[in-house]
Structures are given as C-alpha cells and as structure tokens.
Amino acid sequence: MLEPLAESDQHVMRDKIHDIHLIYETFESLFTGVYVNAEESIKLLAELVDQSTIARGAIVYIDGFHDFSKQEQIVVHKLFNVASSVKMSLTLPEVPRSGESPNELNRFFLPAKTYSELTQILQAENLSWGVRQFAGGGRFENAGISMLEQFDDQPRGTKQHVGDGSIQIVEAVNRRVEVESVARAIRDLVRKNGYRYEEIAILMRDIEPYEDLLKHTFARFDIPYFLDDSRSMMHHPVIEFIRSTFEMMIQNYRYEPVFRAFKTDLLFPLHSNWQMFRERVDELENYVLATGKRSRIGQSQQIGHTQAPVIS
C-alpha cells in the first residue's frame, strides 16, 4: 500500500511516506518468522492449509464461531476440500431455509448468515453436507432464564411466571456502587457456589463509561478479567516516536517534539539505567524551559558559564 503513495508528486509527502516505508520494511525483516500477529497467522494459514499433510484427510471440528472474516472463510473453504470431514457448530433456533436471506433484526442473524454463506460454498464445490440439531439438552438450569428468552422472542402472550430468584433487578445510586455490587456478586458466586471466573460474563450496552471503574474495582477485589474492547494505537510509544521524529525535522528541532521523542524511552540504550536517563532528560528539559530555547536544541550550546546538560 505504501509503494504507490511514494510516487506522489508532493515532495514532502513523498519523503515522509518513503521514510515510513523504510521503517516498515526493516520492522518486517526483523520480525519475520519471529512474531506473527493474529491477522498474519490467519493469512498464513489460508496460504498453506491446502499443502498441510496434517489437515489432509483429517476430521476437523470448528466451534465457538458466529461468523468468519474473509481470511477465516478462505481457511474453512480450503478445509472443506482437503479434510475428510468438517464438523461445525452454529447457534441457531432452527435450520435456515435454503435461499432465504436471514433477517438482520434477528438475534441469530450472524450465525444464520454464516450458515447461508457456507452452504453456498458447499453447493458451488458440489460437496455434500448434513445438519444435526441439538435441542433440549438442559441448557437452562433456572426456569427464570428460560422464561426470559421466551419473552424476548415473543413478548406478547407469554404466560406469567413466578420468579425463582435466578433474575435480579438492582438499582444503584451511581456507577461505582453498581460495579462494586457486581464485583461482590462475582466473588460470592466463585467462593460459595463453585463457579469459575471464566464462566462469568458481564454484558453492557456501552463499555466506555464503565471501563475505568471495572479495571479499578476488579483489581481491588482481585478478580481476573478480560476486557473485549479495542484500544487506539495513536499514543503507543512507537507511533508517538515516529510522529515526533517527523515533527522534529519539519519544525527545526523544536523542543516539544524532541522531548516527546525522548519520553517514549526508545532513544535510550537497551540495557542501560533508564531511570538515570529519564532524570537527565528532565534536567535538560528544565534547562531548555529556563533559558527559553525553542529550536535546534540538538546542537551543543554554552551561554556564559552555564552549559546545557548532556545526555550520553
């Protein structure tokens, strides 16, 4: 993606993109075969699965998916051809009708859409398939939860149900009290009812107002957790280092981007005393602010009998 942009007629943009391209190429060469992220591993699997002697003739089980990304769908498509059998579980109340588009407002839209897409692949490849339904397997231990699901599907005409305590509605004076009550309930479920933390999930419409409270409260209650939330890379030290480095060159080494680059800690020797270097950076920043210097602070300067601190 970077190569076509590097041919731009805009001189400054071309130089920036070229530098980023060189950084990225070096980064890829350093980590090729050493570190592979989730997206790259799926892409690599898609490229190699039909060459695998392990996959060829194997019985493959796929569970825990409601839908597949494009790369994942390519992997599944290839498995259909190389494996002797592929068994997949999808959470659906009934088998979707052939050729019928699933309703986007249906709670089971994603698995229904996945079923439709996979059957189209099987038909195109002239492969046979069958469906086995599992129902009534004791999914609900509490009648209240079962009644709640029925009410969600058909809110009108639902029979009145006498509560068994499996559903509780709690009103809290603020979010902090709400999160603390949830933490206490989780701790009681684990200590008194034999639950495991991995068996408990917290669902919410908007996670942002609760995120900091959850982190602080769960740490205080010693509750391990996984937060399913994407985080921005904008303030990652590597991104900040690249941005501030470009700003230094454009802005004649103004002190703001220079010290932002220093404070990422990526300019310090790897096996050195980083705390000592941080203190020297602080001393240099105080000197720059005290003397009113704004640019070209990368040069050695001496004024009267006062010399700028040196970082080395």
C-alpha atoms as a PDB file:
ATOM      1  CA  MET A   1       0.000   0.000   0.000  1.00  0.00           C
ATOM      2  CA  LEU A   2       2.909   2.341   0.740  1.00  0.00           C
ATOM      3  CA  GLU A   3       4.693   1.913  -2.606  1.00  0.00           C
ATOM      4  CA  PRO A   4       2.114   3.656  -4.878  1.00  0.00           C
ATOM      5  CA  LEU A   5       1.879   6.573  -2.439  1.00  0.00           C
ATOM      6  CA  ALA A   6       5.635   7.039  -2.579  1.00  0.00           C
ATOM      7  CA  GLU A   7       5.304   8.093  -6.246  1.00  0.00           C
ATOM      8  CA  SER A   8       3.248  11.148  -5.290  1.00  0.00           C
ATOM      9  CA  ASP A   9       4.211  14.490  -6.815  1.00  0.00           C
ATOM     10  CA  GLN A  10       4.087  16.164  -3.440  1.00  0.00           C
ATOM     11  CA  HIS A  11       7.705  16.345  -2.332  1.00  0.00           C
ATOM     12  CA  VAL A  12       7.164  16.456   1.452  1.00  0.00           C
ATOM     13  CA  MET A  13       4.525  13.718   1.435  1.00  0.00           C
ATOM     14  CA  ARG A  14       6.713  11.542  -0.799  1.00  0.00           C
ATOM     15  CA  ASP A  15       9.655  11.858   1.580  1.00  0.00           C
ATOM     16  CA  LYS A  16       7.510  11.077   4.627  1.00  0.00           C
ATOM     17  CA  ILE A  17       5.936   8.027   3.037  1.00  0.00           C
ATOM     18  CA  HIS A  18       9.343   6.841   1.847  1.00  0.00           C
ATOM     19  CA  ASP A  19      10.742   7.058   5.384  1.00  0.00           C
ATOM     20  CA  ILE A  20       7.747   5.195   6.833  1.00  0.00           C
ATOM     21  CA  HIS A  21       8.130   2.575   4.110  1.00  0.00           C
ATOM     22  CA  LEU A  22      11.784   2.026   5.051  1.00  0.00           C
ATOM     23  CA  ILE A  23      10.885   1.766   8.740  1.00  0.00           C
ATOM     24  CA  TYR A  24       8.121  -0.726   7.981  1.00  0.00           C
ATOM     25  CA  GLU A  25      10.356  -2.841   5.719  1.00  0.00           C
ATOM     26  CA  THR A  26      13.007  -3.003   8.446  1.00  0.00           C
ATOM     27  CA  PHE A  27      10.352  -3.850  11.020  1.00  0.00           C
ATOM     28  CA  GLU A  28       9.017  -6.686   8.848  1.00  0.00           C
ATOM     29  CA  SER A  29      12.509  -8.076   8.203  1.00  0.00           C
ATOM     30  CA  LEU A  30      13.279  -8.088  11.942  1.00  0.00           C
ATOM     31  CA  PHE A  31      10.075  -9.860  12.956  1.00  0.00           C
ATOM     32  CA  THR A  32       9.523 -12.198  10.006  1.00  0.00           C
ATOM     33  CA  GLY A  33       9.405 -15.704  11.443  1.00  0.00           C
ATOM     34  CA  VAL A  34       9.797 -14.373  14.985  1.00  0.00           C
ATOM     35  CA  TYR A  35       6.498 -12.714  15.762  1.00  0.00           C
ATOM     36  CA  VAL A  36       3.217 -13.284  13.914  1.00  0.00           C
ATOM     37  CA  ASN A  37       0.047 -11.483  14.978  1.00  0.00           C
ATOM     38  CA  ALA A  38      -3.450 -12.946  14.747  1.00  0.00           C
ATOM     39  CA  GLU A  39      -4.256 -11.426  11.343  1.00  0.00           C
ATOM     40  CA  GLU A  40      -0.978 -12.612   9.800  1.00  0.00           C
ATOM     41  CA  SER A  41      -1.358 -16.115  11.246  1.00  0.00           C
ATOM     42  CA  ILE A  42      -4.798 -16.486   9.623  1.00  0.00           C
ATOM     43  CA  LYS A  43      -3.422 -15.195   6.310  1.00  0.00           C
ATOM     44  CA  LEU A  44      -0.501 -17.641   6.546  1.00  0.00           C
ATOM     45  CA  LEU A  45      -2.883 -20.485   7.400  1.00  0.00           C
ATOM     46  CA  ALA A  46      -5.058 -19.615   4.385  1.00  0.00           C
ATOM     47  CA  GLU A  47      -1.999 -19.819   2.130  1.00  0.00           C
ATOM     48  CA  LEU A  48      -0.673 -23.126   3.494  1.00  0.00           C
ATOM     49  CA  VAL A  49      -3.646 -25.179   4.735  1.00  0.00           C
ATOM     50  CA  ASP A  50      -4.177 -26.980   1.417  1.00  0.00           C
ATOM     51  CA  GLN A  51      -0.498 -28.038   1.499  1.00  0.00           C
ATOM     52  CA  SER A  52      -0.721 -29.445   5.035  1.00  0.00           C
ATOM     53  CA  THR A  53      -0.307 -33.178   5.447  1.00  0.00           C
ATOM     54  CA  ILE A  54      -1.969 -32.887   8.879  1.00  0.00           C
ATOM     55  CA  ALA A  55      -5.149 -31.301   7.506  1.00  0.00           C
ATOM     56  CA  ARG A  56      -5.401 -33.641   4.527  1.00  0.00           C
ATOM     57  CA  GLY A  57      -7.774 -36.451   5.390  1.00  0.00           C
ATOM     58  CA  ALA A  58      -8.328 -35.178   8.941  1.00  0.00           C
ATOM     59  CA  ILE A  59     -11.616 -34.743  10.792  1.00  0.00           C
ATOM     60  CA  VAL A  60     -11.850 -31.050  11.716  1.00  0.00           C
ATOM     61  CA  TYR A  61     -14.088 -29.595  14.442  1.00  0.00           C
ATOM     62  CA  ILE A  62     -14.941 -25.865  14.405  1.00  0.00           C
ATOM     63  CA  ASP A  63     -16.738 -24.490  17.445  1.00  0.00           C
ATOM     64  CA  GLY A  64     -17.346 -21.120  19.069  1.00  0.00           C
ATOM     65  CA  PHE A  65     -17.821 -19.015  15.908  1.00  0.00           C
ATOM     66  CA  HIS A  66     -20.873 -16.995  14.902  1.00  0.00           C
ATOM     67  CA  ASP A  67     -19.291 -15.586  11.755  1.00  0.00           C
ATOM     68  CA  PHE A  68     -15.992 -15.614   9.883  1.00  0.00           C
ATOM     69  CA  SER A  69     -13.734 -12.910   8.459  1.00  0.00           C
ATOM     70  CA  LYS A  70     -12.798 -13.148   4.775  1.00  0.00           C
ATOM     71  CA  GLN A  71      -9.472 -14.815   5.598  1.00  0.00           C
ATOM     72  CA  GLU A  72     -11.118 -17.248   8.018  1.00  0.00           C
ATOM     73  CA  GLN A  73     -13.728 -18.093   5.393  1.00  0.00           C
ATOM     74  CA  ILE A  74     -10.935 -18.915   2.918  1.00  0.00           C
ATOM     75  CA  VAL A  75      -9.430 -21.293   5.507  1.00  0.00           C
ATOM     76  CA  VAL A  76     -12.788 -23.019   6.055  1.00  0.00           C
ATOM     77  CA  HIS A  77     -13.348 -23.217   2.280  1.00  0.00           C
ATOM     78  CA  LYS A  78      -9.991 -24.965   1.808  1.00  0.00           C
ATOM     79  CA  LEU A  79     -10.664 -27.300   4.736  1.00  0.00           C
ATOM     80  CA  PHE A  80     -13.872 -28.416   3.010  1.00  0.00           C
ATOM     81  CA  ASN A  81     -11.688 -29.677   0.157  1.00  0.00           C
ATOM     82  CA  VAL A  82      -8.708 -31.178   1.992  1.00  0.00           C
ATOM     83  CA  ALA A  83     -10.231 -32.638   5.172  1.00  0.00           C
ATOM     84  CA  SER A  84     -12.191 -35.897   5.144  1.00  0.00           C
ATOM     85  CA  SER A  85     -14.891 -34.264   7.302  1.00  0.00           C
ATOM     86  CA  VAL A  86     -15.568 -30.826   8.770  1.00  0.00           C
ATOM     87  CA  LYS A  87     -17.945 -30.617  11.723  1.00  0.00           C
ATOM     88  CA  MET A  88     -19.083 -27.146  12.747  1.00  0.00           C
ATOM     89  CA  SER A  89     -21.435 -25.897  15.468  1.00  0.00           C
ATOM     90  CA  LEU A  90     -23.639 -22.832  14.969  1.00  0.00           C
ATOM     91  CA  THR A  91     -26.084 -21.402  17.499  1.00  0.00           C
ATOM     92  CA  LEU A  92     -29.452 -21.294  15.715  1.00  0.00           C
ATOM     93  CA  PRO A  93     -33.031 -21.877  16.904  1.00  0.00           C
ATOM     94  CA  GLU A  94     -33.826 -23.666  13.624  1.00  0.00           C
ATOM     95  CA  VAL A  95     -32.211 -24.548  10.300  1.00  0.00           C
ATOM     96  CA  PRO A  96     -32.487 -21.577   7.894  1.00  0.00           C
ATOM     97  CA  ARG A  97     -34.430 -22.242   4.727  1.00  0.00           C
ATOM     98  CA  SER A  98     -32.404 -22.667   1.571  1.00  0.00           C
ATOM     99  CA  GLY A  99     -32.137 -19.463  -0.462  1.00  0.00           C
ATOM    100  CA  GLU A 100     -33.798 -17.353   2.240  1.00  0.00           C
ATOM    101  CA  SER A 101     -31.911 -14.256   3.413  1.00  0.00           C
ATOM    102  CA  PRO A 102     -31.715 -14.002   7.223  1.00  0.00           C
ATOM    103  CA  ASN A 103     -33.432 -11.073   8.932  1.00  0.00           C
ATOM    104  CA  GLU A 104     -30.863  -8.502  10.089  1.00  0.00           C
ATOM    105  CA  LEU A 105     -33.004  -7.678  13.130  1.00  0.00           C
ATOM    106  CA  ASN A 106     -32.965 -11.282  14.295  1.00  0.00           C
ATOM    107  CA  ARG A 107     -30.701 -12.010  17.254  1.00  0.00           C
ATOM    108  CA  PHE A 108     -29.347 -15.039  15.335  1.00  0.00           C
ATOM    109  CA  PHE A 109     -28.605 -13.043  12.178  1.00  0.00           C
ATOM    110  CA  LEU A 110     -24.822 -13.652  12.180  1.00  0.00           C
ATOM    111  CA  PRO A 111     -24.866 -17.461  12.547  1.00  0.00           C
ATOM    112  CA  ALA A 112     -27.784 -17.662  10.062  1.00  0.00           C
ATOM    113  CA  LYS A 113     -25.797 -15.570   7.574  1.00  0.00           C
ATOM    114  CA  THR A 114     -22.742 -17.787   8.163  1.00  0.00           C
ATOM    115  CA  TYR A 115     -24.817 -20.923   7.553  1.00  0.00           C
ATOM    116  CA  SER A 116     -26.134 -19.448   4.300  1.00  0.00           C
ATOM    117  CA  GLU A 117     -22.642 -18.471   3.097  1.00  0.00           C
ATOM    118  CA  LEU A 118     -21.123 -21.856   3.939  1.00  0.00           C
ATOM    119  CA  THR A 119     -23.895 -23.820   2.244  1.00  0.00           C
ATOM    120  CA  GLN A 120     -23.401 -21.720  -0.886  1.00  0.00           C
ATOM    121  CA  ILE A 121     -19.698 -22.675  -0.856  1.00  0.00           C
ATOM    122  CA  LEU A 122     -20.588 -26.352  -0.425  1.00  0.00           C
ATOM    123  CA  GLN A 123     -23.075 -26.190  -3.283  1.00  0.00           C
ATOM    124  CA  ALA A 124     -20.543 -24.464  -5.551  1.00  0.00           C
ATOM    125  CA  GLU A 125     -17.948 -27.163  -4.743  1.00  0.00           C
ATOM    126  CA  ASN A 126     -20.553 -29.916  -5.215  1.00  0.00           C
ATOM    127  CA  LEU A 127     -19.885 -31.215  -1.706  1.00  0.00           C
ATOM    128  CA  SER A 128     -22.450 -32.968   0.454  1.00  0.00           C
ATOM    129  CA  TRP A 129     -23.414 -31.877   3.946  1.00  0.00           C
ATOM    130  CA  GLY A 130     -25.875 -32.689   6.674  1.00  0.00           C
ATOM    131  CA  VAL A 131     -27.399 -30.934   9.667  1.00  0.00           C
ATOM    132  CA  ARG A 132     -27.857 -32.347  13.127  1.00  0.00           C
ATOM    133  CA  GLN A 133     -29.882 -30.363  15.642  1.00  0.00           C
ATOM    134  CA  PHE A 134     -29.236 -30.460  19.370  1.00  0.00           C
ATOM    135  CA  ALA A 135     -32.096 -29.131  21.479  1.00  0.00           C
ATOM    136  CA  GLY A 136     -33.439 -29.627  24.972  1.00  0.00           C
ATOM    137  CA  GLY A 137     -30.048 -30.540  26.365  1.00  0.00           C
ATOM    138  CA  GLY A 138     -30.558 -28.894  29.738  1.00  0.00           C
ATOM    139  CA  ARG A 139     -29.141 -25.549  28.698  1.00  0.00           C
ATOM    140  CA  PHE A 140     -31.045 -23.687  31.400  1.00  0.00           C
ATOM    141  CA  GLU A 141     -30.745 -24.727  34.994  1.00  0.00           C
ATOM    142  CA  ASN A 142     -33.008 -21.842  36.006  1.00  0.00           C
ATOM    143  CA  ALA A 143     -36.571 -21.580  34.779  1.00  0.00           C
ATOM    144  CA  GLY A 144     -36.405 -17.789  35.044  1.00  0.00           C
ATOM    145  CA  ILE A 145     -33.639 -17.528  32.431  1.00  0.00           C
ATOM    146  CA  SER A 146     -35.583 -19.788  30.089  1.00  0.00           C
ATOM    147  CA  MET A 147     -38.708 -17.672  30.520  1.00  0.00           C
ATOM    148  CA  LEU A 148     -36.686 -14.504  29.851  1.00  0.00           C
ATOM    149  CA  GLU A 149     -35.525 -15.882  26.491  1.00  0.00           C
ATOM    150  CA  GLN A 150     -39.079 -16.868  25.557  1.00  0.00           C
ATOM    151  CA  PHE A 151     -40.303 -13.393  26.484  1.00  0.00           C
ATOM    152  CA  ASP A 152     -37.580 -11.826  24.343  1.00  0.00           C
ATOM    153  CA  ASP A 153     -38.736 -13.865  21.330  1.00  0.00           C
ATOM    154  CA  GLN A 154     -42.474 -13.485  21.929  1.00  0.00           C
ATOM    155  CA  PRO A 155     -43.169 -10.683  24.415  1.00  0.00           C
ATOM    156  CA  ARG A 156     -46.913 -10.878  23.877  1.00  0.00           C
ATOM    157  CA  GLY A 157     -48.976 -13.722  25.172  1.00  0.00           C
ATOM    158  CA  THR A 158     -46.224 -15.082  27.419  1.00  0.00           C
ATOM    159  CA  LYS A 159     -47.522 -16.886  30.452  1.00  0.00           C
ATOM    160  CA  GLN A 160     -46.962 -15.345  33.848  1.00  0.00           C
ATOM    161  CA  HIS A 161     -44.009 -16.844  35.639  1.00  0.00           C
ATOM    162  CA  VAL A 162     -43.356 -16.975  39.347  1.00  0.00           C
ATOM    163  CA  GLY A 163     -39.794 -15.860  39.998  1.00  0.00           C
ATOM    164  CA  ASP A 164     -37.268 -18.335  41.366  1.00  0.00           C
ATOM    165  CA  GLY A 165     -34.550 -15.768  42.199  1.00  0.00           C
ATOM    166  CA  SER A 166     -32.424 -16.509  39.133  1.00  0.00           C
ATOM    167  CA  ILE A 167     -33.055 -12.995  37.802  1.00  0.00           C
ATOM    168  CA  GLN A 168     -32.444  -9.919  39.944  1.00  0.00           C
ATOM    169  CA  ILE A 169     -33.093  -6.273  39.096  1.00  0.00           C
ATOM    170  CA  VAL A 170     -30.878  -3.945  41.113  1.00  0.00           C
ATOM    171  CA  GLU A 171     -30.899  -0.135  41.163  1.00  0.00           C
ATOM    172  CA  ALA A 172     -27.701   1.650  42.222  1.00  0.00           C
ATOM    173  CA  VAL A 173     -27.207   5.290  43.179  1.00  0.00           C
ATOM    174  CA  ASN A 174     -24.248   5.626  40.781  1.00  0.00           C
ATOM    175  CA  ARG A 175     -21.995   3.588  38.509  1.00  0.00           C
ATOM    176  CA  ARG A 176     -19.345   2.996  41.181  1.00  0.00           C
ATOM    177  CA  VAL A 177     -21.856   1.356  43.525  1.00  0.00           C
ATOM    178  CA  GLU A 178     -23.244  -0.624  40.583  1.00  0.00           C
ATOM    179  CA  VAL A 179     -19.827  -2.023  39.627  1.00  0.00           C
ATOM    180  CA  GLU A 180     -18.942  -2.828  43.256  1.00  0.00           C
ATOM    181  CA  SER A 181     -22.203  -4.767  43.689  1.00  0.00           C
ATOM    182  CA  VAL A 182     -21.373  -6.767  40.552  1.00  0.00           C
ATOM    183  CA  ALA A 183     -17.860  -7.478  41.875  1.00  0.00           C
ATOM    184  CA  ARG A 184     -19.277  -8.736  45.194  1.00  0.00           C
ATOM    185  CA  ALA A 185     -21.789 -10.929  43.352  1.00  0.00           C
ATOM    186  CA  ILE A 186     -18.997 -12.452  41.236  1.00  0.00           C
ATOM    187  CA  ARG A 187     -16.865 -13.101  44.303  1.00  0.00           C
ATOM    188  CA  ASP A 188     -19.799 -14.810  46.053  1.00  0.00           C
ATOM    189  CA  LEU A 189     -20.535 -16.974  43.003  1.00  0.00           C
ATOM    190  CA  VAL A 190     -16.918 -18.161  42.944  1.00  0.00           C
ATOM    191  CA  ARG A 191     -16.466 -18.663  46.695  1.00  0.00           C
ATOM    192  CA  LYS A 192     -19.872 -20.022  47.661  1.00  0.00           C
ATOM    193  CA  ASN A 193     -21.367 -21.560  44.523  1.00  0.00           C
ATOM    194  CA  GLY A 194     -18.345 -23.161  42.907  1.00  0.00           C
ATOM    195  CA  TYR A 195     -18.309 -21.015  39.772  1.00  0.00           C
ATOM    196  CA  ARG A 196     -15.117 -20.277  37.847  1.00  0.00           C
ATOM    197  CA  TYR A 197     -14.245 -16.773  36.698  1.00  0.00           C
ATOM    198  CA  GLU A 198     -14.166 -17.908  33.057  1.00  0.00           C
ATOM    199  CA  GLU A 199     -17.836 -18.946  33.353  1.00  0.00           C
ATOM    200  CA  ILE A 200     -18.985 -15.407  34.187  1.00  0.00           C
ATOM    201  CA  ALA A 201     -19.620 -12.632  31.664  1.00  0.00           C
ATOM    202  CA  ILE A 202     -20.696  -9.013  32.075  1.00  0.00           C
ATOM    203  CA  LEU A 203     -22.718  -7.557  29.207  1.00  0.00           C
ATOM    204  CA  MET A 204     -23.329  -3.837  28.790  1.00  0.00           C
ATOM    205  CA  ARG A 205     -24.647  -1.565  26.086  1.00  0.00           C
ATOM    206  CA  ASP A 206     -21.748   0.919  26.270  1.00  0.00           C
ATOM    207  CA  ILE A 207     -18.476  -0.086  27.916  1.00  0.00           C
ATOM    208  CA  GLU A 208     -16.767   3.323  27.868  1.00  0.00           C
ATOM    209  CA  PRO A 209     -18.445   4.851  30.986  1.00  0.00           C
ATOM    210  CA  TYR A 210     -17.623   1.689  32.982  1.00  0.00           C
ATOM    211  CA  GLU A 211     -14.133   0.810  31.719  1.00  0.00           C
ATOM    212  CA  ASP A 212     -12.018   2.638  34.323  1.00  0.00           C
ATOM    213  CA  LEU A 213     -14.378   1.656  37.148  1.00  0.00           C
ATOM    214  CA  LEU A 214     -14.249  -2.003  36.152  1.00  0.00           C
ATOM    215  CA  LYS A 215     -10.436  -2.017  35.988  1.00  0.00           C
ATOM    216  CA  HIS A 216     -10.034  -0.301  39.368  1.00  0.00           C
ATOM    217  CA  THR A 217     -12.779  -2.257  41.174  1.00  0.00           C
ATOM    218  CA  PHE A 218     -11.841  -5.697  39.835  1.00  0.00           C
ATOM    219  CA  ALA A 219      -8.197  -5.089  40.764  1.00  0.00           C
ATOM    220  CA  ARG A 220      -9.281  -4.176  44.287  1.00  0.00           C
ATOM    221  CA  PHE A 221     -11.436  -7.316  44.554  1.00  0.00           C
ATOM    222  CA  ASP A 222      -8.654  -9.432  42.998  1.00  0.00           C
ATOM    223  CA  ILE A 223     -10.947 -10.575  40.163  1.00  0.00           C
ATOM    224  CA  PRO A 224      -9.153 -11.607  36.929  1.00  0.00           C
ATOM    225  CA  TYR A 225     -10.862 -10.396  33.774  1.00  0.00           C
ATOM    226  CA  PHE A 226     -10.555  -9.924  30.040  1.00  0.00           C
ATOM    227  CA  LEU A 227     -11.931  -6.710  28.565  1.00  0.00           C
ATOM    228  CA  ASP A 228     -13.196  -7.164  24.999  1.00  0.00           C
ATOM    229  CA  ASP A 229     -12.502  -3.655  23.775  1.00  0.00           C
ATOM    230  CA  SER A 230     -10.345  -2.163  21.017  1.00  0.00           C
ATOM    231  CA  ARG A 231      -7.727   0.384  22.026  1.00  0.00           C
ATOM    232  CA  SER A 232      -6.307   3.168  19.895  1.00  0.00           C
ATOM    233  CA  MET A 233      -2.656   2.888  18.807  1.00  0.00           C
ATOM    234  CA  MET A 234      -2.309   6.674  18.416  1.00  0.00           C
ATOM    235  CA  HIS A 235      -0.456   7.110  21.729  1.00  0.00           C
ATOM    236  CA  HIS A 236       1.603   3.922  21.551  1.00  0.00           C
ATOM    237  CA  PRO A 237       5.303   4.772  22.203  1.00  0.00           C
ATOM    238  CA  VAL A 238       6.413   3.589  18.733  1.00  0.00           C
ATOM    239  CA  ILE A 239       3.726   5.644  16.949  1.00  0.00           C
ATOM    240  CA  GLU A 240       4.495   8.677  19.115  1.00  0.00           C
ATOM    241  CA  PHE A 241       8.230   8.267  18.421  1.00  0.00           C
ATOM    242  CA  ILE A 242       7.683   8.207  14.631  1.00  0.00           C
ATOM    243  CA  ARG A 243       5.331  11.208  14.731  1.00  0.00           C
ATOM    244  CA  SER A 244       7.605  13.303  16.936  1.00  0.00           C
ATOM    245  CA  THR A 245      10.662  12.400  14.818  1.00  0.00           C
ATOM    246  CA  PHE A 246       8.991  13.737  11.672  1.00  0.00           C
ATOM    247  CA  GLU A 247       7.864  16.846  13.569  1.00  0.00           C
ATOM    248  CA  MET A 248      11.466  17.464  14.686  1.00  0.00           C
ATOM    249  CA  MET A 249      12.702  17.526  11.097  1.00  0.00           C
ATOM    250  CA  ILE A 250       9.839  19.715   9.870  1.00  0.00           C
ATOM    251  CA  GLN A 251       9.871  22.160  12.788  1.00  0.00           C
ATOM    252  CA  ASN A 252      13.643  22.728  13.010  1.00  0.00           C
ATOM    253  CA  TYR A 253      14.042  20.584  16.115  1.00  0.00           C
ATOM    254  CA  ARG A 254      11.562  22.458  18.267  1.00  0.00           C
ATOM    255  CA  TYR A 255      11.762  21.331  21.866  1.00  0.00           C
ATOM    256  CA  GLU A 256       8.195  19.919  22.079  1.00  0.00           C
ATOM    257  CA  PRO A 257       8.629  17.040  19.573  1.00  0.00           C
ATOM    258  CA  VAL A 258      12.219  16.469  20.747  1.00  0.00           C
ATOM    259  CA  PHE A 259      11.151  15.797  24.322  1.00  0.00           C
ATOM    260  CA  ARG A 260       8.099  13.801  23.222  1.00  0.00           C
ATOM    261  CA  ALA A 261      10.549  11.523  21.389  1.00  0.00           C
ATOM    262  CA  PHE A 262      12.808  11.311  24.459  1.00  0.00           C
ATOM    263  CA  LYS A 263       9.876  10.461  26.742  1.00  0.00           C
ATOM    264  CA  THR A 264       8.944   7.380  24.698  1.00  0.00           C
ATOM    265  CA  ASP A 265      12.142   5.816  26.177  1.00  0.00           C
ATOM    266  CA  LEU A 266      13.022   4.465  22.716  1.00  0.00           C
ATOM    267  CA  LEU A 267      16.164   6.608  22.433  1.00  0.00           C
ATOM    268  CA  PHE A 268      17.809   5.079  25.493  1.00  0.00           C
ATOM    269  CA  PRO A 269      20.315   2.195  25.205  1.00  0.00           C
ATOM    270  CA  LEU A 270      18.505  -1.090  25.707  1.00  0.00           C
ATOM    271  CA  HIS A 271      20.494  -2.427  28.686  1.00  0.00           C
ATOM    272  CA  SER A 272      21.154   0.887  30.420  1.00  0.00           C
ATOM    273  CA  ASN A 273      19.757   2.516  33.546  1.00  0.00           C
ATOM    274  CA  TRP A 274      16.585   4.040  32.098  1.00  0.00           C
ATOM    275  CA  GLN A 275      15.744   5.867  35.312  1.00  0.00           C
ATOM    276  CA  MET A 276      19.050   7.726  35.135  1.00  0.00           C
ATOM    277  CA  PHE A 277      18.381   8.703  31.503  1.00  0.00           C
ATOM    278  CA  ARG A 278      14.865   9.879  32.374  1.00  0.00           C
ATOM    279  CA  GLU A 279      16.308  12.131  35.086  1.00  0.00           C
ATOM    280  CA  ARG A 280      18.835  13.568  32.622  1.00  0.00           C
ATOM    281  CA  VAL A 281      16.033  14.224  30.133  1.00  0.00           C
ATOM    282  CA  ASP A 282      14.113  16.052  32.871  1.00  0.00           C
ATOM    283  CA  GLU A 283      17.197  18.148  33.693  1.00  0.00           C
ATOM    284  CA  LEU A 284      17.684  19.022  30.020  1.00  0.00           C
ATOM    285  CA  GLU A 285      14.017  19.929  29.626  1.00  0.00           C
ATOM    286  CA  ASN A 286      14.194  22.199  32.697  1.00  0.00           C
ATOM    287  CA  TYR A 287      17.277  23.886  31.232  1.00  0.00           C
ATOM    288  CA  VAL A 288      15.552  24.448  27.877  1.00  0.00           C
ATOM    289  CA  LEU A 289      12.460  25.907  29.532  1.00  0.00           C
ATOM    290  CA  ALA A 290      14.518  28.095  31.886  1.00  0.00           C
ATOM    291  CA  THR A 291      16.653  29.559  29.068  1.00  0.00           C
ATOM    292  CA  GLY A 292      13.735  29.971  26.665  1.00  0.00           C
ATOM    293  CA  LYS A 293      15.247  27.913  23.860  1.00  0.00           C
ATOM    294  CA  ARG A 294      12.726  26.714  21.304  1.00  0.00           C
ATOM    295  CA  SER A 295      14.626  25.104  18.428  1.00  0.00           C
ATOM    296  CA  ARG A 296      17.914  23.485  17.366  1.00  0.00           C
ATOM    297  CA  ILE A 297      18.400  22.177  20.896  1.00  0.00           C
ATOM    298  CA  GLY A 298      20.142  19.203  19.371  1.00  0.00           C
ATOM    299  CA  GLN A 299      23.280  21.345  18.996  1.00  0.00           C
ATOM    300  CA  SER A 300      25.756  21.778  21.834  1.00  0.00           C
ATOM    301  CA  GLN A 301      25.319  25.284  23.258  1.00  0.00           C
ATOM    302  CA  GLN A 302      27.079  27.179  26.037  1.00  0.00           C
ATOM    303  CA  ILE A 303      25.944  30.544  27.347  1.00  0.00           C
ATOM    304  CA  GLY A 304      28.293  32.430  29.708  1.00  0.00           C
ATOM    305  CA  HIS A 305      29.336  29.929  32.358  1.00  0.00           C
ATOM    306  CA  THR A 306      26.177  27.804  32.048  1.00  0.00           C
ATOM    307  CA  GLN A 307      26.311  24.702  29.901  1.00  0.00           C
ATOM    308  CA  ALA A 308      23.312  22.604  28.905  1.00  0.00           C
ATOM    309  CA  PRO A 309      23.137  19.146  30.497  1.00  0.00           C
ATOM    310  CA  VAL A 310      24.349  16.414  28.164  1.00  0.00           C
ATOM    311  CA  ILE A 311      22.591  13.074  27.670  1.00  0.00           C
ATOM    312  CA  SER A 312      25.075  10.345  26.815  1.00  0.00           C
END
